[in-house]
Amino acid sequence: MPCVCINQPILISPITPGSLDVIYGTQDKSSSPYEGMYDYYYEYSYSVLFIDKSYLTGIPSGATINSFNFEVYNTGNGTYEENALTCYMAKAPSSYTQLPTNLRLNLSSVTDTAWNADVTPVFIGSGINTTYIQTSADPNRNWYPTFDVPTSFTYTSGTSLVISLNSKSGTYTPGTSSYPRWTGQVLSGTQPRIWCQDNRVPSQGAFVDTHVVNYNSTFRPNIRINYS
């Protein structure tokens, strides 16, 4: 009789490490201040970015997102440090095409119970330090130094990605047109709730993670997502 083999090992194809560039556009957010995912001019700032699933088809399902970069444009040399960033990330099911109303920086909603049931935010870390150094040898436009994701975050095919960054450093970088400008797509008119950002001066204090965000959906910053 032929041998019947059972309990054969299941071969899983390994994921080749790579990166995906989500390019919305080539415009620089040049309004004053040069706000983006966080703002070098103000002491405190935050932003939340919703990346629709249609832009993420190049990431293999089951891949671990381990870092990301944002594209910036700078007209002068300088060192720009953020040393107290808090980050949350989440996957949103395919039924969602934008951020919910009354969203907190920790990616939960005050009023949208369906969002809270469907989306589980992952706390990536606080006190994160990242420094961007622009030198004369660099091109004016480049990818911001790697922003590490120390917490294991696994991507699932068909889901959208949400990233929240909250700068609590209390410092700013003096300058004028040399501020790094975030590169992406500048829009006008009413847009889906895909991006939000705000700033504060020292007397107002840092934003808490439960702060309810304000929407400014007329900009989409380019992002590079690195996975393995």
C-alpha atoms as a PDB file:
ATOM      1  CA  MET A   1       0.000   0.000   0.000  1.00  0.00           C
ATOM      2  CA  PRO A   2       1.259   3.539  -0.694  1.00  0.00           C
ATOM      3  CA  CYS A   3       2.422   5.468   2.316  1.00  0.00           C
ATOM      4  CA  VAL A   4      -0.014   8.080   3.575  1.00  0.00           C
ATOM      5  CA  CYS A   5       1.915  10.924   5.124  1.00  0.00           C
ATOM      6  CA  ILE A   6       0.291  13.091   7.743  1.00  0.00           C
ATOM      7  CA  ASN A   7       1.370  16.108   9.752  1.00  0.00           C
ATOM      8  CA  GLN A   8       3.517  17.386   6.924  1.00  0.00           C
ATOM      9  CA  PRO A   9       5.093  20.777   7.660  1.00  0.00           C
ATOM     10  CA  ILE A  10       3.436  23.761   6.008  1.00  0.00           C
ATOM     11  CA  LEU A  11       5.903  25.824   4.038  1.00  0.00           C
ATOM     12  CA  ILE A  12       5.474  29.566   4.500  1.00  0.00           C
ATOM     13  CA  SER A  13       7.035  31.827   1.924  1.00  0.00           C
ATOM     14  CA  PRO A  14       9.352  34.296   3.678  1.00  0.00           C
ATOM     15  CA  ILE A  15       8.693  37.992   3.200  1.00  0.00           C
ATOM     16  CA  THR A  16      11.476  39.829   1.439  1.00  0.00           C
ATOM     17  CA  PRO A  17      12.310  43.050   3.320  1.00  0.00           C
ATOM     18  CA  GLY A  18      11.546  46.143   1.329  1.00  0.00           C
ATOM     19  CA  SER A  19       9.949  49.567   1.333  1.00  0.00           C
ATOM     20  CA  LEU A  20       6.943  51.257  -0.223  1.00  0.00           C
ATOM     21  CA  ASP A  21       6.908  54.928  -1.209  1.00  0.00           C
ATOM     22  CA  VAL A  22       3.468  56.518  -0.958  1.00  0.00           C
ATOM     23  CA  ILE A  23       3.835  59.540  -3.226  1.00  0.00           C
ATOM     24  CA  TYR A  24       0.900  61.933  -3.192  1.00  0.00           C
ATOM     25  CA  GLY A  25       2.710  64.761  -4.980  1.00  0.00           C
ATOM     26  CA  THR A  26       5.831  66.924  -5.280  1.00  0.00           C
ATOM     27  CA  GLN A  27       4.559  70.119  -3.673  1.00  0.00           C
ATOM     28  CA  ASP A  28       6.156  71.576  -0.562  1.00  0.00           C
ATOM     29  CA  LYS A  29       3.980  72.691   2.353  1.00  0.00           C
ATOM     30  CA  SER A  30       5.408  76.192   2.221  1.00  0.00           C
ATOM     31  CA  SER A  31       2.806  78.154   4.178  1.00  0.00           C
ATOM     32  CA  SER A  32       4.084  79.724   7.381  1.00  0.00           C
ATOM     33  CA  PRO A  33       4.742  77.852   9.567  1.00  0.00           C
ATOM     34  CA  TYR A  34       5.847  74.871   7.487  1.00  0.00           C
ATOM     35  CA  GLU A  35       3.573  72.449   9.235  1.00  0.00           C
ATOM     36  CA  GLY A  36       3.567  68.760   8.462  1.00  0.00           C
ATOM     37  CA  MET A  37       3.718  65.617  10.536  1.00  0.00           C
ATOM     38  CA  TYR A  38       5.181  67.833  13.237  1.00  0.00           C
ATOM     39  CA  ASP A  39       6.335  71.415  13.215  1.00  0.00           C
ATOM     40  CA  TYR A  40       9.905  72.564  13.898  1.00  0.00           C
ATOM     41  CA  TYR A  41       8.810  76.157  14.425  1.00  0.00           C
ATOM     42  CA  TYR A  42       6.382  75.545  17.273  1.00  0.00           C
ATOM     43  CA  GLU A  43       7.249  74.043  20.647  1.00  0.00           C
ATOM     44  CA  TYR A  44       4.374  71.539  20.513  1.00  0.00           C
ATOM     45  CA  SER A  45       2.600  70.013  17.546  1.00  0.00           C
ATOM     46  CA  TYR A  46       0.796  66.900  16.361  1.00  0.00           C
ATOM     47  CA  SER A  47      -0.589  65.256  13.241  1.00  0.00           C
ATOM     48  CA  VAL A  48      -2.563  62.190  12.217  1.00  0.00           C
ATOM     49  CA  LEU A  49      -2.335  60.633   8.747  1.00  0.00           C
ATOM     50  CA  PHE A  50      -4.824  58.196   7.202  1.00  0.00           C
ATOM     51  CA  ILE A  51      -3.263  56.173   4.342  1.00  0.00           C
ATOM     52  CA  ASP A  52      -5.926  54.477   2.256  1.00  0.00           C
ATOM     53  CA  LYS A  53      -5.544  50.768   1.482  1.00  0.00           C
ATOM     54  CA  SER A  54      -5.339  51.537  -2.252  1.00  0.00           C
ATOM     55  CA  TYR A  55      -1.860  53.020  -1.694  1.00  0.00           C
ATOM     56  CA  LEU A  56      -0.617  50.029   0.321  1.00  0.00           C
ATOM     57  CA  THR A  57      -1.007  47.106  -2.097  1.00  0.00           C
ATOM     58  CA  GLY A  58       2.792  46.851  -2.385  1.00  0.00           C
ATOM     59  CA  ILE A  59       3.142  45.740   1.247  1.00  0.00           C
ATOM     60  CA  PRO A  60       2.850  41.932   1.632  1.00  0.00           C
ATOM     61  CA  SER A  61       0.158  40.756   4.010  1.00  0.00           C
ATOM     62  CA  GLY A  62       1.799  39.659   7.251  1.00  0.00           C
ATOM     63  CA  ALA A  63       4.795  41.954   6.811  1.00  0.00           C
ATOM     64  CA  THR A  64       6.117  43.744   9.880  1.00  0.00           C
ATOM     65  CA  ILE A  65       6.286  47.523   9.551  1.00  0.00           C
ATOM     66  CA  ASN A  66       9.516  48.431  11.311  1.00  0.00           C
ATOM     67  CA  SER A  67      10.135  52.059  10.312  1.00  0.00           C
ATOM     68  CA  PHE A  68       8.961  54.925   8.149  1.00  0.00           C
ATOM     69  CA  ASN A  69      10.288  58.166   6.678  1.00  0.00           C
ATOM     70  CA  PHE A  70       8.684  61.363   5.430  1.00  0.00           C
ATOM     71  CA  GLU A  71       9.901  63.347   2.445  1.00  0.00           C
ATOM     72  CA  VAL A  72      11.117  66.885   3.175  1.00  0.00           C
ATOM     73  CA  TYR A  73      12.471  69.850   1.274  1.00  0.00           C
ATOM     74  CA  ASN A  74      15.034  72.201   2.805  1.00  0.00           C
ATOM     75  CA  THR A  75      16.750  75.278   1.383  1.00  0.00           C
ATOM     76  CA  GLY A  76      19.459  75.641   4.017  1.00  0.00           C
ATOM     77  CA  ASN A  77      21.786  73.653   6.236  1.00  0.00           C
ATOM     78  CA  GLY A  78      20.816  72.860   9.802  1.00  0.00           C
ATOM     79  CA  THR A  79      20.099  70.309  12.516  1.00  0.00           C
ATOM     80  CA  TYR A  80      16.473  69.760  13.397  1.00  0.00           C
ATOM     81  CA  GLU A  81      15.757  67.589  16.425  1.00  0.00           C
ATOM     82  CA  GLU A  82      12.574  66.212  17.924  1.00  0.00           C
ATOM     83  CA  ASN A  83      13.310  64.413  21.175  1.00  0.00           C
ATOM     84  CA  ALA A  84       9.920  63.714  22.744  1.00  0.00           C
ATOM     85  CA  LEU A  85       7.610  62.237  20.133  1.00  0.00           C
ATOM     86  CA  THR A  86       4.702  59.954  21.010  1.00  0.00           C
ATOM     87  CA  CYS A  87       3.446  57.608  18.281  1.00  0.00           C
ATOM     88  CA  TYR A  88       0.347  55.473  17.798  1.00  0.00           C
ATOM     89  CA  MET A  89      -0.445  53.277  14.781  1.00  0.00           C
ATOM     90  CA  ALA A  90      -3.546  51.374  13.733  1.00  0.00           C
ATOM     91  CA  LYS A  91      -5.039  49.330  10.908  1.00  0.00           C
ATOM     92  CA  ALA A  92      -8.489  50.370   9.679  1.00  0.00           C
ATOM     93  CA  PRO A  93     -10.769  47.833   7.939  1.00  0.00           C
ATOM     94  CA  SER A  94     -11.492  48.312   4.231  1.00  0.00           C
ATOM     95  CA  SER A  95     -14.895  49.859   4.965  1.00  0.00           C
ATOM     96  CA  TYR A  96     -13.203  53.030   6.277  1.00  0.00           C
ATOM     97  CA  THR A  97     -12.015  55.687   3.831  1.00  0.00           C
ATOM     98  CA  GLN A  98     -11.226  58.472   6.305  1.00  0.00           C
ATOM     99  CA  LEU A  99     -10.673  59.271   9.968  1.00  0.00           C
ATOM    100  CA  PRO A 100     -13.707  59.306  12.271  1.00  0.00           C
ATOM    101  CA  THR A 101     -15.125  62.417  13.880  1.00  0.00           C
ATOM    102  CA  ASN A 102     -14.022  63.396  17.390  1.00  0.00           C
ATOM    103  CA  LEU A 103     -10.762  61.494  17.007  1.00  0.00           C
ATOM    104  CA  ARG A 104      -8.212  61.540  19.828  1.00  0.00           C
ATOM    105  CA  LEU A 105      -4.442  61.491  19.323  1.00  0.00           C
ATOM    106  CA  ASN A 106      -4.427  57.961  20.730  1.00  0.00           C
ATOM    107  CA  LEU A 107      -6.566  57.034  17.674  1.00  0.00           C
ATOM    108  CA  SER A 108      -9.759  56.318  19.597  1.00  0.00           C
ATOM    109  CA  SER A 109     -12.919  58.335  18.986  1.00  0.00           C
ATOM    110  CA  VAL A 110     -14.968  60.118  21.637  1.00  0.00           C
ATOM    111  CA  THR A 111     -18.261  59.379  19.868  1.00  0.00           C
ATOM    112  CA  ASP A 112     -17.731  56.893  17.008  1.00  0.00           C
ATOM    113  CA  THR A 113     -18.367  53.564  18.723  1.00  0.00           C
ATOM    114  CA  ALA A 114     -18.165  51.630  15.427  1.00  0.00           C
ATOM    115  CA  TRP A 115     -14.618  52.895  14.840  1.00  0.00           C
ATOM    116  CA  ASN A 116     -13.625  51.992  18.392  1.00  0.00           C
ATOM    117  CA  ALA A 117     -14.963  48.483  17.931  1.00  0.00           C
ATOM    118  CA  ASP A 118     -13.268  47.935  14.574  1.00  0.00           C
ATOM    119  CA  VAL A 119      -9.896  49.620  15.097  1.00  0.00           C
ATOM    120  CA  THR A 120      -7.328  48.657  17.741  1.00  0.00           C
ATOM    121  CA  PRO A 121      -4.616  51.339  18.151  1.00  0.00           C
ATOM    122  CA  VAL A 122      -1.079  50.176  18.931  1.00  0.00           C
ATOM    123  CA  PHE A 123       1.015  52.348  21.237  1.00  0.00           C
ATOM    124  CA  ILE A 124       4.398  52.535  19.525  1.00  0.00           C
ATOM    125  CA  GLY A 125       6.252  54.583  22.133  1.00  0.00           C
ATOM    126  CA  SER A 126       6.851  57.936  23.810  1.00  0.00           C
ATOM    127  CA  GLY A 127       9.940  60.078  24.244  1.00  0.00           C
ATOM    128  CA  ILE A 128      11.090  59.007  20.773  1.00  0.00           C
ATOM    129  CA  ASN A 129      14.108  60.963  19.518  1.00  0.00           C
ATOM    130  CA  THR A 130      14.764  61.653  15.855  1.00  0.00           C
ATOM    131  CA  THR A 131      17.111  64.159  14.233  1.00  0.00           C
ATOM    132  CA  TYR A 132      17.192  65.504  10.687  1.00  0.00           C
ATOM    133  CA  ILE A 133      20.529  66.969   9.569  1.00  0.00           C
ATOM    134  CA  GLN A 134      20.663  68.928   6.323  1.00  0.00           C
ATOM    135  CA  THR A 135      24.132  69.545   4.898  1.00  0.00           C
ATOM    136  CA  SER A 136      25.361  71.241   1.765  1.00  0.00           C
ATOM    137  CA  ALA A 137      26.175  67.836   0.286  1.00  0.00           C
ATOM    138  CA  ASP A 138      22.561  66.674   0.512  1.00  0.00           C
ATOM    139  CA  PRO A 139      19.946  67.278  -2.159  1.00  0.00           C
ATOM    140  CA  ASN A 140      17.324  69.831  -1.178  1.00  0.00           C
ATOM    141  CA  ARG A 141      14.641  67.162  -1.182  1.00  0.00           C
ATOM    142  CA  ASN A 142      15.248  63.885   0.644  1.00  0.00           C
ATOM    143  CA  TRP A 143      13.671  61.327   2.932  1.00  0.00           C
ATOM    144  CA  TYR A 144      13.680  62.150   6.591  1.00  0.00           C
ATOM    145  CA  PRO A 145      15.942  59.870   8.681  1.00  0.00           C
ATOM    146  CA  THR A 146      14.363  56.607   9.700  1.00  0.00           C
ATOM    147  CA  PHE A 147      11.625  56.734  12.321  1.00  0.00           C
ATOM    148  CA  ASP A 148      11.856  53.328  14.027  1.00  0.00           C
ATOM    149  CA  VAL A 149       8.803  51.325  15.085  1.00  0.00           C
ATOM    150  CA  PRO A 150      10.124  49.328  18.074  1.00  0.00           C
ATOM    151  CA  THR A 151       6.754  47.687  18.729  1.00  0.00           C
ATOM    152  CA  SER A 152       5.853  44.755  16.484  1.00  0.00           C
ATOM    153  CA  PHE A 153       3.238  45.998  14.010  1.00  0.00           C
ATOM    154  CA  THR A 154       1.986  43.492  11.430  1.00  0.00           C
ATOM    155  CA  TYR A 155       0.253  44.740   8.289  1.00  0.00           C
ATOM    156  CA  THR A 156      -2.837  42.953   6.947  1.00  0.00           C
ATOM    157  CA  SER A 157      -3.631  43.164   3.241  1.00  0.00           C
ATOM    158  CA  GLY A 158      -6.712  45.247   2.431  1.00  0.00           C
ATOM    159  CA  THR A 159      -6.514  47.475   5.496  1.00  0.00           C
ATOM    160  CA  SER A 160      -5.687  51.164   5.676  1.00  0.00           C
ATOM    161  CA  LEU A 161      -2.940  52.546   7.902  1.00  0.00           C
ATOM    162  CA  VAL A 162      -3.243  55.326  10.476  1.00  0.00           C
ATOM    163  CA  ILE A 163      -0.246  57.076  12.075  1.00  0.00           C
ATOM    164  CA  SER A 164      -0.402  59.606  14.917  1.00  0.00           C
ATOM    165  CA  LEU A 165       2.625  61.695  15.957  1.00  0.00           C
ATOM    166  CA  ASN A 166       2.593  64.057  18.938  1.00  0.00           C
ATOM    167  CA  SER A 167       5.623  66.280  19.590  1.00  0.00           C
ATOM    168  CA  LYS A 168       5.981  67.142  23.285  1.00  0.00           C
ATOM    169  CA  SER A 169       9.586  68.375  23.209  1.00  0.00           C
ATOM    170  CA  GLY A 170       8.862  72.001  24.064  1.00  0.00           C
ATOM    171  CA  THR A 171      11.682  73.168  21.805  1.00  0.00           C
ATOM    172  CA  TYR A 172      11.753  74.804  18.400  1.00  0.00           C
ATOM    173  CA  THR A 173      14.323  75.529  15.728  1.00  0.00           C
ATOM    174  CA  PRO A 174      14.840  79.226  14.912  1.00  0.00           C
ATOM    175  CA  GLY A 175      15.143  80.194  11.275  1.00  0.00           C
ATOM    176  CA  THR A 176      13.139  81.423   8.318  1.00  0.00           C
ATOM    177  CA  SER A 177      12.909  79.763   4.913  1.00  0.00           C
ATOM    178  CA  SER A 178      15.445  77.136   6.017  1.00  0.00           C
ATOM    179  CA  TYR A 179      12.786  75.196   7.924  1.00  0.00           C
ATOM    180  CA  PRO A 180      12.335  71.710   6.495  1.00  0.00           C
ATOM    181  CA  ARG A 181       9.168  71.711   4.424  1.00  0.00           C
ATOM    182  CA  TRP A 182       7.085  68.562   4.195  1.00  0.00           C
ATOM    183  CA  THR A 183       6.589  67.342   0.627  1.00  0.00           C
ATOM    184  CA  GLY A 184       3.369  65.892  -0.738  1.00  0.00           C
ATOM    185  CA  GLN A 185       0.111  67.106  -2.247  1.00  0.00           C
ATOM    186  CA  VAL A 186      -1.471  70.468  -1.432  1.00  0.00           C
ATOM    187  CA  LEU A 187      -5.234  70.386  -2.022  1.00  0.00           C
ATOM    188  CA  SER A 188      -8.057  72.888  -1.769  1.00  0.00           C
ATOM    189  CA  GLY A 189     -11.713  72.788  -0.894  1.00  0.00           C
ATOM    190  CA  THR A 190     -13.508  70.106   1.075  1.00  0.00           C
ATOM    191  CA  GLN A 191     -11.540  66.861   1.341  1.00  0.00           C
ATOM    192  CA  PRO A 192     -11.967  63.535   3.176  1.00  0.00           C
ATOM    193  CA  ARG A 193     -10.629  63.491   6.739  1.00  0.00           C
ATOM    194  CA  ILE A 194      -7.213  62.064   5.861  1.00  0.00           C
ATOM    195  CA  TRP A 195      -4.811  64.435   7.628  1.00  0.00           C
ATOM    196  CA  CYS A 196      -4.956  66.727  10.638  1.00  0.00           C
ATOM    197  CA  GLN A 197      -2.404  68.944  12.364  1.00  0.00           C
ATOM    198  CA  ASP A 198      -2.133  71.672  14.998  1.00  0.00           C
ATOM    199  CA  ASN A 199       0.516  73.656  16.921  1.00  0.00           C
ATOM    200  CA  ARG A 200       0.944  75.212  20.372  1.00  0.00           C
ATOM    201  CA  VAL A 201       3.240  77.726  22.048  1.00  0.00           C
ATOM    202  CA  PRO A 202       4.872  77.083  25.477  1.00  0.00           C
ATOM    203  CA  SER A 203       2.155  78.803  27.521  1.00  0.00           C
ATOM    204  CA  GLN A 204      -0.425  76.368  26.136  1.00  0.00           C
ATOM    205  CA  GLY A 205       1.529  73.234  27.047  1.00  0.00           C
ATOM    206  CA  ALA A 206       1.905  69.943  25.209  1.00  0.00           C
ATOM    207  CA  PHE A 207      -1.050  68.113  23.683  1.00  0.00           C
ATOM    208  CA  VAL A 208      -2.190  65.148  25.771  1.00  0.00           C
ATOM    209  CA  ASP A 209      -2.792  61.831  24.016  1.00  0.00           C
ATOM    210  CA  THR A 210      -6.552  62.137  24.618  1.00  0.00           C
ATOM    211  CA  HIS A 211      -6.702  65.526  22.862  1.00  0.00           C
ATOM    212  CA  VAL A 212      -9.427  65.682  20.186  1.00  0.00           C
ATOM    213  CA  VAL A 213      -7.841  66.675  16.879  1.00  0.00           C
ATOM    214  CA  ASN A 214      -8.698  69.450  14.444  1.00  0.00           C
ATOM    215  CA  TYR A 215      -8.888  68.517  10.769  1.00  0.00           C
ATOM    216  CA  ASN A 216      -6.839  70.178   8.056  1.00  0.00           C
ATOM    217  CA  SER A 217      -7.369  67.728   5.235  1.00  0.00           C
ATOM    218  CA  THR A 218      -5.890  69.815   2.441  1.00  0.00           C
ATOM    219  CA  PHE A 219      -2.404  68.281   2.615  1.00  0.00           C
ATOM    220  CA  ARG A 220      -1.089  64.746   2.156  1.00  0.00           C
ATOM    221  CA  PRO A 221       2.573  64.199   3.124  1.00  0.00           C
ATOM    222  CA  ASN A 222       4.615  61.621   1.208  1.00  0.00           C
ATOM    223  CA  ILE A 223       5.729  58.670   3.293  1.00  0.00           C
ATOM    224  CA  ARG A 224       8.130  55.736   2.867  1.00  0.00           C
ATOM    225  CA  ILE A 225       7.089  52.586   4.760  1.00  0.00           C
ATOM    226  CA  ASN A 226       9.825  50.045   5.508  1.00  0.00           C
ATOM    227  CA  TYR A 227       8.891  46.432   6.244  1.00  0.00           C
ATOM    228  CA  SER A 228      10.321  42.969   6.720  1.00  0.00           C
END
